[in-house]
Amino acid sequence: MKSNKSNLTKALLILVALATLLTSAIGVSAETQPLLEDGVAQSGTLVGGEAGSYDYYQVVYSGDDVDMTITATFGLQDASYADYYGFNVYGSYDYTGKGYPEADGAGYEFWYRGEDARTFTIEVFNFAPKGTSYGIVADGIADVAVEEVAEPVAEAIEPEALTSAVASTLIGNTGGAYAQHALPAASDGDDICVTMSFSPADPSFVGAMGFEIWAPNGDHVASGMAPSADSFGQLWVTFAPDQTGNYAVQVYNYTDGVAMNYALTVAEIVSE
């Protein structure tokens, strides 16, 4: 009995040490996305690369069937990399859509209309081996703070629950394929470690397969990262929940037509 307890203590210490190492190396932290104002453009730069680079914004949609458009333009005007940069739009737990190339080729546009007010998160991305500047603007959105808009329960898509482990298959496409898993957590609970094992573990797919974690209020919390530069087929992340509710673990696959088999496991980092 004493030996078992000692082994358990050692295992917990190793897990805590690994989680601490990953957190310090990766710099994982919760972040609040800037709020776009109606008709006011924002700009930024994404360095790109195989692992991808991202910026996040939030928009508040007023409802009442108002037409909302989100438009992004990119400084990298290279047709061979046209599928490598763009933006995605997410609701609280669901992938809502993405920006599509405009007819004149000037940028990418997303259009939305709905009855209910809600908040969206915009993910601007660049997987090209070149950096690019970008500009993004939203029209037809509400001029109110995020916390003033209550998400309609009817529009929430309940993802498959992740309480200990789950396995599935996700067939990719260049615009991104996604699967959602709900992760219950408490703000006064222990840190949480999420691990994803996946195949094919092909170095050429680095950055195209992985997972993101989103807070109950829609904030981006963390991204799954490899334990080392030469590690393929496994991603880790640890985070400290600061909200009570269902976090969303979003699995993605950008490899066109490739079936990704994946398994997610979750464990609490118990602190004595």
Protein backbone atom coordinates (compact mmCIF):
# COMPACT_ATOMS: atom_id res chain seq x y z
CA MET A 1 0.00 0.00 0.00
CA LYS A 2 2.80 2.35 0.90
CA SER A 3 4.56 1.49 -2.39
CA ASN A 4 1.41 2.24 -4.41
CA LYS A 5 0.99 5.58 -2.68
CA SER A 6 4.62 6.44 -3.35
CA ASN A 7 4.27 5.54 -7.02
CA LEU A 8 1.12 7.66 -7.32
CA THR A 9 2.90 10.61 -5.72
CA LYS A 10 5.82 10.24 -8.12
CA ALA A 11 3.46 10.01 -11.11
CA LEU A 12 1.66 13.19 -10.06
CA LEU A 13 4.97 15.00 -9.57
CA ILE A 14 6.15 13.93 -13.03
CA LEU A 15 2.87 15.08 -14.60
CA VAL A 16 3.03 18.42 -12.80
CA ALA A 17 6.65 18.88 -13.89
CA LEU A 18 5.79 18.05 -17.50
CA ALA A 19 2.81 20.41 -17.45
CA THR A 20 4.94 23.19 -15.97
CA LEU A 21 7.63 22.62 -18.59
CA LEU A 22 5.11 22.75 -21.41
CA THR A 23 3.41 25.85 -20.06
CA SER A 24 6.66 27.76 -19.64
CA ALA A 25 7.98 26.68 -23.04
CA ILE A 26 4.78 27.37 -24.92
CA GLY A 27 3.61 30.43 -23.02
CA VAL A 28 0.00 29.26 -22.83
CA SER A 29 -2.36 31.78 -21.27
CA ALA A 30 -5.95 32.86 -21.57
CA GLU A 31 -6.45 35.93 -23.71
CA THR A 32 -9.28 38.35 -24.40
CA GLN A 33 -9.81 39.18 -28.05
CA PRO A 34 -10.07 42.83 -29.15
CA LEU A 35 -13.63 43.91 -29.91
CA LEU A 36 -14.26 45.14 -33.45
CA GLU A 37 -16.35 48.30 -33.80
CA ASP A 38 -18.84 48.75 -36.61
CA GLY A 39 -17.09 49.89 -39.79
CA VAL A 40 -13.73 50.46 -38.03
CA ALA A 41 -10.85 48.55 -39.62
CA GLN A 42 -8.16 46.78 -37.59
CA SER A 43 -4.81 45.67 -38.94
CA GLY A 44 -2.02 43.30 -38.00
CA THR A 45 0.77 41.06 -39.24
CA LEU A 46 0.99 37.26 -39.24
CA VAL A 47 4.42 35.66 -39.66
CA GLY A 48 3.03 32.38 -41.06
CA GLY A 49 4.88 29.06 -41.13
CA GLU A 50 3.94 25.37 -40.97
CA ALA A 51 2.53 25.68 -37.44
CA GLY A 52 0.42 28.65 -38.51
CA SER A 53 0.08 32.05 -36.86
CA TYR A 54 -3.19 33.54 -35.63
CA ASP A 55 -4.89 36.70 -34.40
CA TYR A 56 -8.31 36.72 -32.74
CA TYR A 57 -11.10 39.30 -32.59
CA GLN A 58 -14.66 39.41 -31.30
CA VAL A 59 -17.75 40.98 -32.85
CA VAL A 60 -21.16 41.52 -31.28
CA TYR A 61 -24.04 40.89 -33.66
CA SER A 62 -27.25 42.78 -32.85
CA GLY A 63 -29.74 40.29 -34.33
CA ASP A 64 -33.05 41.41 -35.88
CA ASP A 65 -32.00 39.98 -39.29
CA VAL A 66 -29.46 42.74 -39.81
CA ASP A 67 -26.93 41.93 -42.55
CA MET A 68 -23.44 41.54 -41.08
CA THR A 69 -20.34 41.31 -43.25
CA ILE A 70 -16.76 40.68 -42.17
CA THR A 71 -14.09 41.46 -44.73
CA ALA A 72 -10.34 40.82 -44.61
CA THR A 73 -7.60 41.81 -47.04
CA PHE A 74 -4.05 40.43 -47.05
CA GLY A 75 -0.79 41.99 -48.18
CA LEU A 76 0.51 38.66 -49.48
CA GLN A 77 -0.95 38.61 -52.99
CA ASP A 78 0.40 35.25 -54.18
CA ALA A 79 -2.11 32.92 -55.87
CA SER A 80 -0.05 29.85 -54.95
CA TYR A 81 -0.71 30.57 -51.26
CA ALA A 82 -4.34 31.68 -51.56
CA ASP A 83 -5.58 28.75 -49.41
CA TYR A 84 -2.95 29.31 -46.74
CA TYR A 85 -4.39 32.48 -45.23
CA GLY A 86 -7.88 33.74 -44.42
CA PHE A 87 -10.22 33.78 -41.45
CA ASN A 88 -12.74 31.54 -39.65
CA VAL A 89 -15.78 32.59 -37.61
CA TYR A 90 -16.97 30.79 -34.46
CA GLY A 91 -19.98 31.01 -32.15
CA SER A 92 -19.81 29.92 -28.50
CA TYR A 93 -19.07 26.27 -29.34
CA ASP A 94 -19.69 25.99 -33.06
CA TYR A 95 -17.78 26.67 -36.24
CA THR A 96 -20.03 29.15 -38.05
CA GLY A 97 -18.19 29.74 -41.31
CA LYS A 98 -15.17 31.28 -43.00
CA GLY A 99 -14.24 34.14 -45.27
CA TYR A 100 -14.64 33.34 -48.96
CA PRO A 101 -12.66 35.04 -51.75
CA GLU A 102 -14.47 38.06 -53.16
CA ALA A 103 -15.32 38.08 -56.86
CA ASP A 104 -12.80 40.82 -57.59
CA GLY A 105 -10.05 38.98 -55.69
CA ALA A 106 -9.52 41.93 -53.35
CA GLY A 107 -10.08 39.99 -50.13
CA TYR A 108 -12.18 37.50 -48.22
CA GLU A 109 -15.76 38.05 -47.03
CA PHE A 110 -18.14 36.38 -44.56
CA TRP A 111 -21.85 37.21 -44.50
CA TYR A 112 -24.37 36.48 -41.74
CA ARG A 113 -28.00 37.24 -40.87
CA GLY A 114 -30.01 35.98 -37.88
CA GLU A 115 -32.83 36.85 -35.51
CA ASP A 116 -30.88 36.67 -32.24
CA ALA A 117 -28.05 38.78 -30.86
CA ARG A 118 -24.86 36.84 -30.29
CA THR A 119 -21.09 37.15 -30.04
CA PHE A 120 -18.67 35.72 -32.62
CA THR A 121 -14.93 35.08 -32.47
CA ILE A 122 -12.88 35.70 -35.62
CA GLU A 123 -9.69 33.71 -36.15
CA VAL A 124 -7.36 35.26 -38.74
CA PHE A 125 -4.72 32.73 -39.83
CA ASN A 126 -1.65 32.35 -42.03
CA PHE A 127 -0.02 29.00 -42.86
CA ALA A 128 2.05 30.35 -45.77
CA PRO A 129 5.87 30.22 -45.52
CA LYS A 130 5.81 34.01 -45.91
CA GLY A 131 4.54 36.65 -43.54
CA THR A 132 1.65 38.91 -44.45
CA SER A 133 -0.01 42.06 -43.24
CA TYR A 134 -3.80 42.12 -43.10
CA GLY A 135 -6.75 44.39 -42.48
CA ILE A 136 -10.14 43.32 -41.14
CA VAL A 137 -13.43 45.19 -40.77
CA ALA A 138 -16.97 44.25 -39.70
CA ASP A 139 -20.13 46.06 -40.83
CA GLY A 140 -23.61 45.65 -39.37
CA ILE A 141 -22.52 44.80 -35.83
CA ALA A 142 -23.75 46.14 -32.49
CA ASP A 143 -22.02 48.97 -30.66
CA VAL A 144 -22.28 47.28 -27.24
CA ALA A 145 -19.96 45.40 -24.92
CA VAL A 146 -19.68 41.62 -25.23
CA GLU A 147 -21.08 40.99 -21.73
CA GLU A 148 -24.30 42.83 -22.62
CA VAL A 149 -25.29 40.21 -25.19
CA ALA A 150 -26.81 36.96 -23.90
CA GLU A 151 -26.20 33.98 -26.17
CA PRO A 152 -29.51 32.36 -27.21
CA VAL A 153 -29.79 28.81 -25.88
CA ALA A 154 -31.54 27.68 -29.05
CA GLU A 155 -28.49 28.50 -31.17
CA ALA A 156 -25.98 26.65 -29.00
CA ILE A 157 -24.70 23.41 -30.52
CA GLU A 158 -23.92 20.94 -27.76
CA PRO A 159 -20.58 19.26 -28.53
CA GLU A 160 -19.75 15.69 -27.62
CA ALA A 161 -18.71 15.56 -23.96
CA LEU A 162 -15.09 14.97 -22.97
CA THR A 163 -14.85 13.82 -19.35
CA SER A 164 -11.89 11.43 -19.55
CA ALA A 165 -11.26 10.16 -23.10
CA VAL A 166 -12.86 10.15 -26.54
CA ALA A 167 -11.77 8.87 -29.97
CA SER A 168 -13.03 9.74 -33.44
CA THR A 169 -12.10 10.39 -37.09
CA LEU A 170 -12.09 13.76 -38.86
CA ILE A 171 -11.73 14.08 -42.64
CA GLY A 172 -9.93 17.30 -43.51
CA ASN A 173 -10.30 19.99 -46.15
CA THR A 174 -8.29 23.08 -47.04
CA GLY A 175 -10.89 25.37 -45.44
CA GLY A 176 -10.70 23.39 -42.21
CA ALA A 177 -12.78 20.52 -40.81
CA TYR A 178 -13.71 20.69 -37.13
CA ALA A 179 -15.05 18.55 -34.28
CA GLN A 180 -16.16 19.93 -30.93
CA HIS A 181 -15.94 18.32 -27.48
CA ALA A 182 -17.29 19.86 -24.27
CA LEU A 183 -14.93 19.88 -21.29
CA PRO A 184 -16.65 20.68 -17.96
CA ALA A 185 -14.47 22.66 -15.56
CA ALA A 186 -14.75 24.82 -12.45
CA SER A 187 -12.94 28.09 -11.83
CA ASP A 188 -11.89 26.89 -8.37
CA GLY A 189 -10.79 23.46 -9.63
CA ASP A 190 -7.41 21.95 -10.48
CA ASP A 191 -5.38 22.68 -13.59
CA ILE A 192 -6.33 20.51 -16.57
CA CYS A 193 -4.04 18.67 -18.96
CA VAL A 194 -5.45 17.74 -22.41
CA THR A 195 -3.58 15.33 -24.69
CA MET A 196 -4.34 14.42 -28.28
CA SER A 197 -2.78 11.46 -30.11
CA PHE A 198 -3.45 11.30 -33.84
CA SER A 199 -2.51 9.59 -37.08
CA PRO A 200 -1.18 9.83 -39.68
CA ALA A 201 1.78 11.26 -37.75
CA ASP A 202 3.33 12.73 -40.88
CA PRO A 203 5.82 15.62 -40.49
CA SER A 204 4.35 17.22 -43.62
CA PHE A 205 1.05 17.66 -41.74
CA VAL A 206 2.55 19.64 -38.85
CA GLY A 207 0.27 22.57 -38.08
CA ALA A 208 -2.56 21.21 -40.22
CA MET A 209 -3.90 18.89 -37.51
CA GLY A 210 -4.39 19.84 -33.89
CA PHE A 211 -6.77 21.33 -31.33
CA GLU A 212 -7.75 24.60 -29.68
CA ILE A 213 -9.44 25.25 -26.33
CA TRP A 214 -12.13 27.90 -25.91
CA ALA A 215 -13.60 29.24 -22.65
CA PRO A 216 -17.35 29.19 -21.89
CA ASN A 217 -17.58 32.89 -22.84
CA GLY A 218 -15.92 32.28 -26.24
CA ASP A 219 -12.39 33.46 -25.37
CA HIS A 220 -9.50 31.51 -26.87
CA VAL A 221 -7.62 29.82 -24.02
CA ALA A 222 -4.87 27.60 -25.42
CA SER A 223 -3.54 25.62 -28.39
CA GLY A 224 -2.29 22.05 -28.40
CA MET A 225 1.47 21.94 -28.92
CA ALA A 226 4.02 19.18 -29.53
CA PRO A 227 6.21 18.17 -26.56
CA SER A 228 9.31 18.68 -28.76
CA ALA A 229 10.24 19.85 -32.26
CA ASP A 230 10.77 16.29 -33.52
CA SER A 231 7.61 14.87 -31.92
CA PHE A 232 4.80 13.98 -34.33
CA GLY A 233 1.37 12.55 -33.67
CA GLN A 234 0.92 13.91 -30.15
CA LEU A 235 -0.05 17.30 -28.74
CA TRP A 236 -0.35 18.51 -25.15
CA VAL A 237 -1.58 21.54 -23.31
CA THR A 238 -2.29 22.42 -19.69
CA PHE A 239 -4.40 25.33 -18.49
CA ALA A 240 -5.95 26.74 -15.32
CA PRO A 241 -9.73 27.24 -15.72
CA ASP A 242 -10.80 30.72 -14.67
CA GLN A 243 -14.48 30.21 -15.53
CA THR A 244 -17.01 27.59 -14.48
CA GLY A 245 -18.85 25.80 -17.28
CA ASN A 246 -18.20 23.86 -20.46
CA TYR A 247 -14.93 24.66 -22.18
CA ALA A 248 -14.80 23.65 -25.86
CA VAL A 249 -12.00 21.46 -27.19
CA GLN A 250 -12.01 22.09 -30.94
CA VAL A 251 -10.17 19.53 -33.07
CA TYR A 252 -9.22 20.65 -36.58
CA ASN A 253 -7.87 19.10 -39.79
CA TYR A 254 -6.75 21.20 -42.78
CA THR A 255 -5.36 18.31 -44.87
CA ASP A 256 -7.63 17.99 -47.90
CA GLY A 257 -9.35 14.59 -48.00
CA VAL A 258 -7.07 13.02 -45.38
CA ALA A 259 -8.80 11.11 -42.56
CA MET A 260 -7.27 11.93 -39.18
CA ASN A 261 -7.83 9.34 -36.45
CA TYR A 262 -7.52 10.99 -33.07
CA ALA A 263 -7.92 10.27 -29.37
CA LEU A 264 -8.34 12.97 -26.71
CA THR A 265 -7.65 12.39 -23.03
CA VAL A 266 -8.07 14.80 -20.14
CA ALA A 267 -6.66 14.69 -16.62
CA GLU A 268 -6.67 17.03 -13.68
CA ILE A 269 -3.29 18.13 -12.32
CA VAL A 270 -3.83 17.49 -8.62
CA SER A 271 -2.04 19.92 -6.32
CA GLU A 272 -1.39 18.86 -2.73
